[in-house]
N, C-alpha and C. Protein backbone atom coordinates (compact mmCIF):
# COMPACT_ATOMS: atom_id res chain seq x y z
N UNK A 1 31.21 4.68 -92.30
CA UNK A 1 30.03 4.49 -91.46
C UNK A 1 28.77 4.56 -92.33
N UNK A 2 27.77 3.79 -91.93
CA UNK A 2 26.53 3.69 -92.69
C UNK A 2 25.36 4.09 -91.79
N UNK A 3 24.67 5.18 -92.17
CA UNK A 3 23.52 5.69 -91.43
C UNK A 3 22.28 5.54 -92.31
N UNK A 4 21.18 5.08 -91.72
CA UNK A 4 19.92 4.95 -92.44
C UNK A 4 18.87 5.85 -91.80
N UNK A 5 18.10 6.53 -92.64
CA UNK A 5 16.94 7.29 -92.16
C UNK A 5 15.70 6.48 -92.52
N UNK A 6 14.98 6.04 -91.50
CA UNK A 6 13.84 5.16 -91.68
C UNK A 6 12.54 5.89 -91.36
N UNK A 7 11.45 5.44 -92.00
CA UNK A 7 10.16 6.03 -91.68
C UNK A 7 9.13 5.74 -92.75
N UNK A 8 7.88 5.89 -92.36
CA UNK A 8 6.75 5.62 -93.24
C UNK A 8 6.69 6.65 -94.38
N UNK A 9 5.81 6.41 -95.34
CA UNK A 9 5.58 7.33 -96.44
C UNK A 9 5.11 8.68 -95.88
N UNK A 10 5.82 9.75 -96.20
CA UNK A 10 5.43 11.07 -95.72
C UNK A 10 5.99 11.45 -94.37
N UNK A 11 6.90 10.66 -93.82
CA UNK A 11 7.45 10.95 -92.49
C UNK A 11 8.51 12.05 -92.51
N UNK A 12 9.04 12.36 -93.69
CA UNK A 12 10.07 13.39 -93.80
C UNK A 12 11.47 12.83 -93.90
N UNK A 13 11.59 11.53 -94.14
CA UNK A 13 12.91 10.91 -94.16
C UNK A 13 13.79 11.42 -95.31
N UNK A 14 13.20 11.63 -96.48
CA UNK A 14 13.99 12.13 -97.61
C UNK A 14 14.49 13.54 -97.34
N UNK A 15 13.61 14.38 -96.78
CA UNK A 15 14.00 15.75 -96.42
C UNK A 15 15.13 15.74 -95.40
N UNK A 16 14.99 14.91 -94.37
CA UNK A 16 16.02 14.85 -93.34
C UNK A 16 17.33 14.31 -93.91
N UNK A 17 17.25 13.32 -94.77
CA UNK A 17 18.46 12.78 -95.40
C UNK A 17 19.23 13.87 -96.12
N UNK A 18 18.53 14.68 -96.90
CA UNK A 18 19.19 15.76 -97.65
C UNK A 18 19.78 16.81 -96.72
N UNK A 19 19.09 17.09 -95.62
CA UNK A 19 19.59 18.08 -94.66
C UNK A 19 20.84 17.57 -93.94
N UNK A 20 20.88 16.29 -93.64
CA UNK A 20 22.06 15.70 -93.00
C UNK A 20 23.25 15.68 -93.95
N UNK A 21 22.98 15.49 -95.23
CA UNK A 21 24.06 15.55 -96.23
C UNK A 21 24.70 16.93 -96.22
N UNK A 22 23.86 17.96 -96.17
CA UNK A 22 24.39 19.33 -96.15
C UNK A 22 25.12 19.64 -94.83
N UNK A 23 24.57 19.14 -93.73
CA UNK A 23 25.15 19.46 -92.42
C UNK A 23 26.47 18.75 -92.19
N UNK A 24 26.52 17.45 -92.45
CA UNK A 24 27.70 16.65 -92.14
C UNK A 24 28.66 16.48 -93.31
N UNK A 25 28.16 16.71 -94.53
CA UNK A 25 28.98 16.43 -95.69
C UNK A 25 29.01 14.96 -96.04
N UNK A 26 28.01 14.21 -95.56
CA UNK A 26 27.93 12.78 -95.86
C UNK A 26 27.53 12.55 -97.31
N UNK A 27 27.78 11.33 -97.77
CA UNK A 27 27.38 10.94 -99.13
C UNK A 27 25.98 10.32 -99.10
N UNK A 28 25.05 10.80 -99.94
CA UNK A 28 23.68 10.28 -99.88
C UNK A 28 23.46 9.05 -100.74
N UNK A 29 22.53 8.22 -100.30
CA UNK A 29 21.97 7.14 -101.11
C UNK A 29 20.45 7.30 -101.02
N UNK A 30 19.86 7.81 -102.09
CA UNK A 30 18.44 8.12 -102.08
C UNK A 30 17.62 6.95 -102.62
N UNK A 31 16.41 6.82 -102.10
CA UNK A 31 15.52 5.75 -102.55
C UNK A 31 15.07 6.00 -103.99
N UNK A 32 15.03 4.94 -104.79
CA UNK A 32 14.65 5.06 -106.19
C UNK A 32 13.13 5.07 -106.33
N UNK A 33 12.52 6.22 -106.03
CA UNK A 33 11.06 6.34 -106.11
C UNK A 33 10.64 6.79 -107.50
N UNK A 34 11.12 7.95 -107.89
CA UNK A 34 10.72 8.50 -109.20
C UNK A 34 11.16 7.57 -110.32
N UNK A 35 12.34 6.92 -110.14
CA UNK A 35 12.87 6.05 -111.19
C UNK A 35 12.18 4.68 -111.23
N UNK A 36 11.43 4.35 -110.18
CA UNK A 36 10.81 3.03 -110.14
C UNK A 36 9.72 2.92 -111.20
N UNK A 37 9.88 2.03 -112.18
CA UNK A 37 8.94 1.97 -113.30
C UNK A 37 7.60 1.34 -112.93
N UNK A 38 7.48 0.82 -111.71
CA UNK A 38 6.25 0.12 -111.31
C UNK A 38 5.38 0.92 -110.34
N UNK A 39 5.87 2.06 -109.86
CA UNK A 39 5.20 2.72 -108.74
C UNK A 39 3.80 3.21 -109.08
N UNK A 40 3.64 3.90 -110.19
CA UNK A 40 2.31 4.41 -110.56
C UNK A 40 1.35 3.25 -110.82
N UNK A 41 1.82 2.21 -111.48
CA UNK A 41 0.98 1.04 -111.72
C UNK A 41 0.59 0.38 -110.40
N UNK A 42 1.52 0.35 -109.47
CA UNK A 42 1.25 -0.28 -108.17
C UNK A 42 0.10 0.40 -107.45
N UNK A 43 0.11 1.72 -107.40
CA UNK A 43 -0.95 2.43 -106.68
C UNK A 43 -2.30 2.34 -107.38
N UNK A 44 -2.30 2.00 -108.64
CA UNK A 44 -3.57 1.82 -109.36
C UNK A 44 -4.06 0.37 -109.30
N UNK A 45 -3.13 -0.59 -109.11
CA UNK A 45 -3.52 -2.01 -109.05
C UNK A 45 -2.47 -2.75 -108.22
N UNK A 46 -2.63 -2.71 -106.90
CA UNK A 46 -1.61 -3.26 -106.01
C UNK A 46 -1.41 -4.75 -106.17
N UNK A 47 -2.50 -5.47 -106.37
CA UNK A 47 -2.39 -6.92 -106.47
C UNK A 47 -1.59 -7.34 -107.69
N UNK A 48 -1.76 -6.63 -108.78
CA UNK A 48 -1.07 -6.98 -110.03
C UNK A 48 0.42 -6.64 -109.96
N UNK A 49 0.77 -5.53 -109.32
CA UNK A 49 2.12 -5.02 -109.46
C UNK A 49 2.99 -5.11 -108.20
N UNK A 50 2.47 -5.68 -107.11
CA UNK A 50 3.23 -5.70 -105.86
C UNK A 50 4.57 -6.41 -105.99
N UNK A 51 4.57 -7.61 -106.55
CA UNK A 51 5.81 -8.36 -106.65
C UNK A 51 6.83 -7.62 -107.49
N UNK A 52 6.40 -7.07 -108.62
CA UNK A 52 7.32 -6.32 -109.48
C UNK A 52 7.93 -5.14 -108.73
N UNK A 53 7.08 -4.40 -108.03
CA UNK A 53 7.53 -3.23 -107.28
C UNK A 53 8.55 -3.61 -106.22
N UNK A 54 8.23 -4.64 -105.43
CA UNK A 54 9.09 -5.01 -104.31
C UNK A 54 10.41 -5.60 -104.78
N UNK A 55 10.40 -6.36 -105.85
CA UNK A 55 11.65 -6.91 -106.37
C UNK A 55 12.54 -5.79 -106.90
N UNK A 56 11.94 -4.79 -107.53
CA UNK A 56 12.73 -3.66 -108.02
C UNK A 56 13.40 -2.94 -106.85
N UNK A 57 12.62 -2.63 -105.80
CA UNK A 57 13.20 -1.96 -104.64
C UNK A 57 14.29 -2.82 -104.00
N UNK A 58 14.05 -4.12 -103.88
CA UNK A 58 15.03 -5.02 -103.28
C UNK A 58 16.33 -5.01 -104.07
N UNK A 59 16.21 -5.05 -105.37
CA UNK A 59 17.40 -5.03 -106.23
C UNK A 59 18.19 -3.74 -106.05
N UNK A 60 17.49 -2.61 -106.02
CA UNK A 60 18.17 -1.32 -105.88
C UNK A 60 18.84 -1.18 -104.52
N UNK A 61 18.15 -1.60 -103.46
CA UNK A 61 18.72 -1.45 -102.11
C UNK A 61 19.89 -2.39 -101.88
N UNK A 62 19.83 -3.58 -102.47
CA UNK A 62 20.96 -4.50 -102.33
C UNK A 62 22.18 -3.96 -103.07
N UNK A 63 21.96 -3.40 -104.23
CA UNK A 63 23.08 -2.79 -104.97
C UNK A 63 23.69 -1.65 -104.17
N UNK A 64 22.82 -0.87 -103.49
CA UNK A 64 23.33 0.19 -102.63
C UNK A 64 24.19 -0.37 -101.51
N UNK A 65 23.74 -1.48 -100.89
CA UNK A 65 24.52 -2.09 -99.80
C UNK A 65 25.90 -2.52 -100.27
N UNK A 66 25.98 -3.07 -101.47
CA UNK A 66 27.27 -3.49 -102.00
C UNK A 66 28.18 -2.29 -102.22
N UNK A 67 27.62 -1.20 -102.71
CA UNK A 67 28.41 0.03 -102.91
C UNK A 67 28.84 0.63 -101.57
N UNK A 68 27.92 0.63 -100.61
CA UNK A 68 28.21 1.21 -99.29
C UNK A 68 29.33 0.45 -98.60
N UNK A 69 29.35 -0.87 -98.76
CA UNK A 69 30.39 -1.69 -98.14
C UNK A 69 31.79 -1.32 -98.63
N UNK A 70 31.87 -0.77 -99.83
CA UNK A 70 33.16 -0.39 -100.40
C UNK A 70 33.52 1.07 -100.14
N UNK A 71 32.58 1.84 -99.62
CA UNK A 71 32.76 3.28 -99.49
C UNK A 71 33.79 3.62 -98.41
N UNK A 72 34.52 4.69 -98.64
CA UNK A 72 35.49 5.19 -97.68
C UNK A 72 34.93 6.34 -96.86
N UNK A 73 33.77 6.84 -97.26
CA UNK A 73 33.14 7.97 -96.58
C UNK A 73 31.91 7.50 -95.82
N UNK A 74 31.34 8.38 -95.00
CA UNK A 74 30.09 8.07 -94.30
C UNK A 74 28.92 8.21 -95.27
N UNK A 75 28.09 7.18 -95.30
CA UNK A 75 26.92 7.15 -96.19
C UNK A 75 25.65 7.32 -95.36
N UNK A 76 24.75 8.19 -95.82
CA UNK A 76 23.43 8.29 -95.22
C UNK A 76 22.41 7.84 -96.27
N UNK A 77 21.59 6.86 -95.90
CA UNK A 77 20.69 6.20 -96.85
C UNK A 77 19.24 6.50 -96.53
N UNK A 78 18.48 6.82 -97.55
CA UNK A 78 17.04 7.07 -97.45
C UNK A 78 16.31 5.73 -97.54
N UNK A 79 15.91 5.20 -96.37
CA UNK A 79 15.21 3.91 -96.19
C UNK A 79 16.16 2.72 -96.42
N UNK A 80 15.98 1.70 -95.60
CA UNK A 80 16.85 0.53 -95.63
C UNK A 80 16.19 -0.64 -96.35
N UNK A 81 17.00 -1.60 -96.70
CA UNK A 81 16.50 -2.83 -97.31
C UNK A 81 15.61 -3.60 -96.33
N UNK A 82 15.88 -3.45 -95.03
CA UNK A 82 15.11 -4.17 -94.02
C UNK A 82 13.67 -3.68 -93.95
N UNK A 83 13.48 -2.38 -94.08
CA UNK A 83 12.12 -1.83 -94.10
C UNK A 83 11.36 -2.32 -95.33
N UNK A 84 12.04 -2.30 -96.46
CA UNK A 84 11.39 -2.75 -97.69
C UNK A 84 10.87 -4.16 -97.57
N UNK A 85 11.62 -5.01 -96.86
CA UNK A 85 11.24 -6.42 -96.74
C UNK A 85 10.22 -6.64 -95.62
N UNK A 86 10.59 -6.24 -94.40
CA UNK A 86 9.78 -6.60 -93.23
C UNK A 86 8.53 -5.72 -93.04
N UNK A 87 8.48 -4.60 -93.73
CA UNK A 87 7.32 -3.71 -93.58
C UNK A 87 6.51 -3.67 -94.86
N UNK A 88 7.10 -3.21 -95.96
CA UNK A 88 6.32 -2.98 -97.17
C UNK A 88 5.98 -4.28 -97.90
N UNK A 89 6.96 -5.14 -98.13
CA UNK A 89 6.67 -6.40 -98.81
C UNK A 89 5.79 -7.30 -97.94
N UNK A 90 6.09 -7.37 -96.65
CA UNK A 90 5.28 -8.20 -95.75
C UNK A 90 3.85 -7.68 -95.68
N UNK A 91 3.68 -6.37 -95.71
CA UNK A 91 2.33 -5.79 -95.70
C UNK A 91 1.58 -6.14 -96.97
N UNK A 92 2.24 -6.09 -98.10
CA UNK A 92 1.60 -6.47 -99.36
C UNK A 92 1.18 -7.94 -99.34
N UNK A 93 2.01 -8.78 -98.76
CA UNK A 93 1.66 -10.20 -98.66
C UNK A 93 0.42 -10.40 -97.79
N UNK A 94 0.41 -9.76 -96.62
CA UNK A 94 -0.72 -9.94 -95.70
C UNK A 94 -2.01 -9.32 -96.23
N UNK A 95 -1.89 -8.31 -97.08
CA UNK A 95 -3.07 -7.70 -97.70
C UNK A 95 -3.62 -8.54 -98.85
N UNK A 96 -2.88 -9.59 -99.22
CA UNK A 96 -3.31 -10.42 -100.33
C UNK A 96 -2.80 -9.95 -101.67
N UNK A 97 -1.90 -8.96 -101.66
CA UNK A 97 -1.36 -8.44 -102.92
C UNK A 97 -0.22 -9.30 -103.47
N UNK A 98 0.36 -10.14 -102.61
CA UNK A 98 1.39 -11.09 -103.04
C UNK A 98 0.99 -12.48 -102.55
N UNK A 99 1.03 -13.45 -103.41
CA UNK A 99 0.69 -14.82 -103.03
C UNK A 99 1.75 -15.39 -102.10
N UNK A 100 1.42 -16.46 -101.40
CA UNK A 100 2.41 -17.14 -100.55
C UNK A 100 3.61 -17.58 -101.37
N UNK A 101 3.35 -18.09 -102.56
CA UNK A 101 4.44 -18.57 -103.42
C UNK A 101 5.38 -17.43 -103.81
N UNK A 102 4.81 -16.31 -104.24
CA UNK A 102 5.64 -15.17 -104.63
C UNK A 102 6.40 -14.60 -103.44
N UNK A 103 5.73 -14.50 -102.29
CA UNK A 103 6.37 -13.94 -101.11
C UNK A 103 7.51 -14.83 -100.62
N UNK A 104 7.32 -16.13 -100.64
CA UNK A 104 8.38 -17.06 -100.22
C UNK A 104 9.59 -16.97 -101.15
N UNK A 105 9.33 -16.81 -102.44
CA UNK A 105 10.43 -16.64 -103.39
C UNK A 105 11.18 -15.34 -103.13
N UNK A 106 10.41 -14.29 -102.89
CA UNK A 106 10.98 -12.97 -102.58
C UNK A 106 11.85 -13.04 -101.32
N UNK A 107 11.33 -13.68 -100.25
CA UNK A 107 12.07 -13.78 -99.00
C UNK A 107 13.33 -14.63 -99.17
N UNK A 108 13.25 -15.67 -99.99
CA UNK A 108 14.43 -16.48 -100.26
C UNK A 108 15.53 -15.67 -100.93
N UNK A 109 15.13 -14.79 -101.84
CA UNK A 109 16.08 -13.91 -102.50
C UNK A 109 16.72 -12.96 -101.50
N UNK A 110 15.91 -12.37 -100.63
CA UNK A 110 16.42 -11.46 -99.61
C UNK A 110 17.38 -12.16 -98.66
N UNK A 111 17.01 -13.35 -98.20
CA UNK A 111 17.87 -14.08 -97.27
C UNK A 111 19.21 -14.45 -97.90
N UNK A 112 19.21 -14.73 -99.18
CA UNK A 112 20.47 -14.99 -99.87
C UNK A 112 21.33 -13.73 -99.92
N UNK A 113 20.70 -12.61 -100.16
CA UNK A 113 21.43 -11.34 -100.18
C UNK A 113 22.07 -11.04 -98.83
N UNK A 114 21.35 -11.34 -97.74
CA UNK A 114 21.83 -11.01 -96.40
C UNK A 114 23.03 -11.86 -95.98
N UNK A 115 23.35 -12.88 -96.75
CA UNK A 115 24.52 -13.69 -96.43
C UNK A 115 25.81 -12.91 -96.66
N UNK A 116 25.75 -11.85 -97.47
CA UNK A 116 26.95 -11.06 -97.74
C UNK A 116 26.78 -9.59 -97.40
N UNK A 117 25.71 -9.26 -96.67
CA UNK A 117 25.45 -7.86 -96.31
C UNK A 117 25.42 -7.72 -94.79
N UNK A 118 25.55 -6.49 -94.30
CA UNK A 118 25.50 -6.26 -92.86
C UNK A 118 24.58 -5.07 -92.55
N UNK A 119 24.20 -4.97 -91.29
CA UNK A 119 23.30 -3.91 -90.84
C UNK A 119 24.02 -2.57 -90.85
N UNK A 120 23.27 -1.46 -90.97
CA UNK A 120 23.89 -0.14 -90.85
C UNK A 120 24.39 0.10 -89.44
N UNK A 121 25.29 1.06 -89.30
CA UNK A 121 25.80 1.41 -87.97
C UNK A 121 24.74 2.08 -87.11
N UNK A 122 23.85 2.83 -87.75
CA UNK A 122 22.79 3.54 -87.02
C UNK A 122 21.57 3.69 -87.91
N UNK A 123 20.40 3.39 -87.35
CA UNK A 123 19.13 3.65 -88.01
C UNK A 123 18.41 4.76 -87.25
N UNK A 124 18.08 5.84 -87.94
CA UNK A 124 17.31 6.94 -87.35
C UNK A 124 15.87 6.78 -87.81
N UNK A 125 14.99 6.46 -86.87
CA UNK A 125 13.58 6.18 -87.19
C UNK A 125 12.72 7.39 -86.88
N UNK A 126 12.07 7.94 -87.92
CA UNK A 126 11.14 9.06 -87.74
C UNK A 126 9.74 8.50 -87.49
N UNK A 127 9.33 8.51 -86.24
CA UNK A 127 8.00 8.01 -85.88
C UNK A 127 6.97 9.12 -86.12
N UNK A 128 5.93 8.80 -86.91
CA UNK A 128 4.93 9.81 -87.28
C UNK A 128 3.54 9.19 -87.21
N UNK A 129 2.56 9.98 -86.76
CA UNK A 129 1.17 9.54 -86.75
C UNK A 129 0.60 9.61 -88.16
N UNK A 130 -0.50 8.92 -88.40
CA UNK A 130 -1.12 8.92 -89.72
C UNK A 130 -1.55 10.32 -90.15
N UNK A 131 -2.19 11.14 -89.29
CA UNK A 131 -2.53 12.52 -89.73
C UNK A 131 -1.31 13.31 -90.17
N UNK A 132 -0.19 13.13 -89.48
CA UNK A 132 1.05 13.82 -89.86
C UNK A 132 1.53 13.34 -91.23
N UNK A 133 1.46 12.05 -91.46
CA UNK A 133 1.86 11.49 -92.74
C UNK A 133 0.98 12.01 -93.87
N UNK A 134 -0.33 12.01 -93.64
CA UNK A 134 -1.27 12.47 -94.67
C UNK A 134 -1.02 13.93 -95.02
N UNK A 135 -0.76 14.75 -94.01
CA UNK A 135 -0.49 16.17 -94.25
C UNK A 135 0.74 16.35 -95.14
N UNK A 136 1.79 15.61 -94.87
CA UNK A 136 3.01 15.70 -95.68
C UNK A 136 2.78 15.18 -97.09
N UNK A 137 2.04 14.09 -97.21
CA UNK A 137 1.77 13.52 -98.53
C UNK A 137 1.00 14.51 -99.40
N UNK A 138 0.01 15.16 -98.83
CA UNK A 138 -0.78 16.13 -99.58
C UNK A 138 0.06 17.35 -99.97
N UNK A 139 0.93 17.78 -99.06
CA UNK A 139 1.73 18.97 -99.34
C UNK A 139 2.73 18.75 -100.47
N UNK A 140 3.31 17.56 -100.55
CA UNK A 140 4.30 17.35 -101.60
C UNK A 140 3.66 17.02 -102.94
N UNK A 141 2.40 16.62 -102.94
CA UNK A 141 1.59 16.59 -104.14
C UNK A 141 1.96 15.61 -105.23
N UNK A 142 2.51 14.47 -104.87
CA UNK A 142 2.77 13.45 -105.88
C UNK A 142 1.44 12.81 -106.28
N UNK A 143 1.12 12.86 -107.57
CA UNK A 143 -0.19 12.40 -108.03
C UNK A 143 -0.48 10.96 -107.62
N UNK A 144 0.50 10.08 -107.77
CA UNK A 144 0.27 8.67 -107.52
C UNK A 144 0.10 8.35 -106.03
N UNK A 145 0.41 9.32 -105.14
CA UNK A 145 0.26 9.08 -103.71
C UNK A 145 -1.06 9.59 -103.14
N UNK A 146 -1.78 10.38 -103.91
CA UNK A 146 -2.95 11.06 -103.36
C UNK A 146 -4.10 10.12 -103.01
N UNK A 147 -4.11 8.92 -103.57
CA UNK A 147 -5.18 7.98 -103.28
C UNK A 147 -4.78 6.89 -102.28
N UNK A 148 -3.66 7.09 -101.59
CA UNK A 148 -3.25 6.12 -100.58
C UNK A 148 -4.30 6.08 -99.47
N UNK A 149 -4.74 4.88 -99.12
CA UNK A 149 -5.77 4.72 -98.10
C UNK A 149 -5.18 4.87 -96.69
N UNK A 150 -6.02 5.41 -95.78
CA UNK A 150 -5.58 5.59 -94.40
C UNK A 150 -5.26 4.25 -93.74
N UNK A 151 -6.04 3.22 -94.07
CA UNK A 151 -5.78 1.89 -93.50
C UNK A 151 -4.40 1.38 -93.91
N UNK A 152 -4.01 1.69 -95.14
CA UNK A 152 -2.70 1.26 -95.63
C UNK A 152 -1.58 1.92 -94.82
N UNK A 153 -1.70 3.24 -94.60
CA UNK A 153 -0.70 3.95 -93.81
C UNK A 153 -0.68 3.47 -92.37
N UNK A 154 -1.85 3.21 -91.82
CA UNK A 154 -1.94 2.73 -90.44
C UNK A 154 -1.30 1.35 -90.30
N UNK A 155 -1.54 0.48 -91.27
CA UNK A 155 -0.91 -0.85 -91.25
C UNK A 155 0.61 -0.74 -91.29
N UNK A 156 1.10 0.16 -92.13
CA UNK A 156 2.55 0.35 -92.21
C UNK A 156 3.12 0.88 -90.90
N UNK A 157 2.40 1.82 -90.27
CA UNK A 157 2.85 2.35 -88.98
C UNK A 157 2.94 1.24 -87.93
N UNK A 158 1.92 0.39 -87.89
CA UNK A 158 1.91 -0.72 -86.95
C UNK A 158 3.11 -1.63 -87.19
N UNK A 159 3.40 -1.89 -88.45
CA UNK A 159 4.53 -2.75 -88.79
C UNK A 159 5.86 -2.09 -88.43
N UNK A 160 5.96 -0.78 -88.62
CA UNK A 160 7.18 -0.08 -88.23
C UNK A 160 7.45 -0.24 -86.75
N UNK A 161 6.43 -0.06 -85.92
CA UNK A 161 6.61 -0.18 -84.48
C UNK A 161 7.04 -1.60 -84.10
N UNK A 162 6.44 -2.58 -84.72
CA UNK A 162 6.80 -3.97 -84.45
C UNK A 162 8.23 -4.25 -84.91
N UNK A 163 8.58 -3.74 -86.07
CA UNK A 163 9.92 -3.94 -86.63
C UNK A 163 10.98 -3.30 -85.74
N UNK A 164 10.77 -2.05 -85.37
CA UNK A 164 11.76 -1.33 -84.58
C UNK A 164 11.90 -1.92 -83.18
N UNK A 165 10.79 -2.26 -82.55
CA UNK A 165 10.81 -2.67 -81.15
C UNK A 165 11.06 -4.16 -80.94
N UNK A 166 10.78 -5.00 -81.95
CA UNK A 166 10.84 -6.45 -81.73
C UNK A 166 11.74 -7.21 -82.70
N UNK A 167 11.86 -6.74 -83.93
CA UNK A 167 12.53 -7.54 -84.95
C UNK A 167 13.95 -7.06 -85.28
N UNK A 168 14.12 -5.77 -85.38
CA UNK A 168 15.41 -5.24 -85.81
C UNK A 168 16.40 -5.27 -84.65
N UNK A 169 17.59 -5.81 -84.88
CA UNK A 169 18.57 -6.00 -83.82
C UNK A 169 19.71 -4.98 -83.85
N UNK A 170 19.65 -4.04 -84.78
CA UNK A 170 20.70 -3.04 -84.87
C UNK A 170 20.43 -1.85 -83.97
N UNK A 171 21.35 -0.88 -84.01
CA UNK A 171 21.22 0.34 -83.21
C UNK A 171 20.18 1.26 -83.84
N UNK A 172 19.24 1.75 -83.02
CA UNK A 172 18.17 2.61 -83.51
C UNK A 172 18.05 3.86 -82.65
N UNK A 173 17.92 5.00 -83.29
CA UNK A 173 17.55 6.26 -82.64
C UNK A 173 16.15 6.62 -83.12
N UNK A 174 15.18 6.62 -82.20
CA UNK A 174 13.80 6.95 -82.56
C UNK A 174 13.51 8.41 -82.26
N UNK A 175 12.98 9.11 -83.26
CA UNK A 175 12.63 10.52 -83.12
C UNK A 175 11.15 10.69 -83.40
N UNK A 176 10.41 11.22 -82.43
CA UNK A 176 8.99 11.50 -82.63
C UNK A 176 8.86 12.78 -83.45
N UNK A 177 8.40 12.62 -84.70
CA UNK A 177 8.46 13.72 -85.67
C UNK A 177 7.22 14.59 -85.72
N UNK A 178 6.13 14.18 -85.07
CA UNK A 178 4.87 14.91 -85.20
C UNK A 178 4.97 16.38 -84.80
N UNK A 179 5.72 16.67 -83.75
CA UNK A 179 5.80 18.04 -83.24
C UNK A 179 7.10 18.73 -83.64
N UNK A 180 7.77 18.18 -84.63
CA UNK A 180 9.01 18.79 -85.11
C UNK A 180 8.82 19.31 -86.53
N UNK A 181 9.41 20.45 -86.80
CA UNK A 181 9.42 21.02 -88.15
C UNK A 181 10.87 21.29 -88.52
N UNK A 182 11.63 20.21 -88.67
CA UNK A 182 13.08 20.35 -88.83
C UNK A 182 13.48 21.02 -90.13
N UNK A 183 12.56 21.08 -91.11
CA UNK A 183 12.88 21.76 -92.36
C UNK A 183 12.95 23.27 -92.18
N UNK A 184 12.06 23.82 -91.36
CA UNK A 184 11.97 25.27 -91.21
C UNK A 184 12.39 25.79 -89.84
N UNK A 185 12.53 24.92 -88.87
CA UNK A 185 12.92 25.34 -87.53
C UNK A 185 14.36 24.92 -87.24
N UNK A 186 15.24 25.91 -87.04
CA UNK A 186 16.63 25.58 -86.72
C UNK A 186 16.73 24.86 -85.39
N UNK A 187 15.88 25.24 -84.45
CA UNK A 187 15.91 24.60 -83.14
C UNK A 187 15.53 23.12 -83.23
N UNK A 188 14.53 22.82 -84.05
CA UNK A 188 14.11 21.42 -84.21
C UNK A 188 15.19 20.60 -84.90
N UNK A 189 15.82 21.19 -85.92
CA UNK A 189 16.90 20.47 -86.60
C UNK A 189 18.08 20.27 -85.67
N UNK A 190 18.40 21.30 -84.86
CA UNK A 190 19.50 21.19 -83.91
C UNK A 190 19.21 20.10 -82.87
N UNK A 191 17.95 19.97 -82.49
CA UNK A 191 17.54 18.92 -81.55
C UNK A 191 17.86 17.54 -82.12
N UNK A 192 17.59 17.34 -83.40
CA UNK A 192 17.89 16.06 -84.04
C UNK A 192 19.39 15.84 -84.15
N UNK A 193 20.12 16.88 -84.55
CA UNK A 193 21.57 16.78 -84.70
C UNK A 193 22.23 16.40 -83.37
N UNK A 194 21.75 16.99 -82.29
CA UNK A 194 22.32 16.69 -80.97
C UNK A 194 22.18 15.21 -80.64
N UNK A 195 21.01 14.64 -80.95
CA UNK A 195 20.80 13.22 -80.68
C UNK A 195 21.65 12.33 -81.57
N UNK A 196 21.77 12.71 -82.84
CA UNK A 196 22.60 11.93 -83.76
C UNK A 196 24.07 11.99 -83.34
N UNK A 197 24.53 13.18 -82.96
CA UNK A 197 25.93 13.34 -82.52
C UNK A 197 26.23 12.44 -81.33
N UNK A 198 25.28 12.34 -80.41
CA UNK A 198 25.48 11.49 -79.23
C UNK A 198 25.61 10.02 -79.62
N UNK A 199 24.79 9.60 -80.58
CA UNK A 199 24.87 8.22 -81.07
C UNK A 199 26.20 7.96 -81.76
N UNK A 200 26.62 8.89 -82.60
CA UNK A 200 27.88 8.72 -83.34
C UNK A 200 29.07 8.66 -82.39
N UNK A 201 29.04 9.50 -81.34
CA UNK A 201 30.13 9.49 -80.36
C UNK A 201 30.19 8.15 -79.65
N UNK A 202 29.04 7.59 -79.32
CA UNK A 202 29.01 6.30 -78.64
C UNK A 202 29.53 5.18 -79.56
N UNK A 203 29.15 5.24 -80.84
CA UNK A 203 29.64 4.25 -81.81
C UNK A 203 31.16 4.32 -81.92
N UNK A 204 31.68 5.53 -81.99
CA UNK A 204 33.14 5.68 -82.11
C UNK A 204 33.85 5.20 -80.85
N UNK A 205 33.26 5.46 -79.69
CA UNK A 205 33.88 4.99 -78.44
C UNK A 205 33.92 3.47 -78.40
N UNK A 206 32.85 2.83 -78.84
CA UNK A 206 32.82 1.37 -78.88
C UNK A 206 33.86 0.84 -79.86
N UNK A 207 33.93 1.46 -81.04
CA UNK A 207 34.90 1.04 -82.05
C UNK A 207 36.34 1.19 -81.53
N UNK A 208 36.60 2.32 -80.84
CA UNK A 208 37.94 2.55 -80.30
C UNK A 208 38.29 1.53 -79.21
N UNK A 209 37.30 1.17 -78.40
CA UNK A 209 37.52 0.17 -77.36
C UNK A 209 37.84 -1.19 -77.96
N UNK A 210 37.11 -1.54 -79.00
CA UNK A 210 37.36 -2.82 -79.67
C UNK A 210 38.74 -2.84 -80.30
N UNK A 211 39.12 -1.70 -80.91
CA UNK A 211 40.44 -1.61 -81.55
C UNK A 211 41.53 -1.77 -80.51
N UNK A 212 41.37 -1.12 -79.35
CA UNK A 212 42.39 -1.19 -78.29
C UNK A 212 42.50 -2.61 -77.75
N UNK A 213 41.36 -3.30 -77.63
CA UNK A 213 41.35 -4.66 -77.13
C UNK A 213 42.07 -5.61 -78.08
N UNK A 214 41.75 -5.45 -79.38
CA UNK A 214 42.36 -6.30 -80.39
C UNK A 214 43.86 -6.08 -80.47
N UNK A 215 44.26 -4.79 -80.38
CA UNK A 215 45.68 -4.47 -80.49
C UNK A 215 46.46 -4.95 -79.27
């Protein structure tokens, strides 16, 4: 089974991914942030480095999808390839950081990849307001993130809502994260686990029904 934790920068998706790994014993696939050689350059000059950054992320996430397809265990992934394309890369294009020519080439590459890839079984979307995101970003103190503009985060949030509600066709569990402190509150974490367990049970019931029908 393939589970994705989705959410904007600072939403807590990496923290939740690690907590789910400990709780369920799932195998993690973490986003290549620290290893991305373009990230610091991108935040200092978005127009120059957007295409490089997005192609790197696309390459890493596609490689993860190929590995996940072969896995025998349940995988929980920190951010999906779909978010990288329809939210972050599309936002860079609309901001003028990627030309039409570069964006069309990028999308052609993604569409070719999707010919041999499939959607995750479940996407858990952490919905967060911009003030909540900013608070988390400041607390974790990554130097290259401290100058992120509020308009940039707001644009990404708008795109997330559009993506989740209108574009993405897979199964989604949306969790409003603003009033949750799942890292330090057992009750808040248990609240999330209860919702995930219900989704997993429904997925298994559907799979069992399909198996019985086929047999």
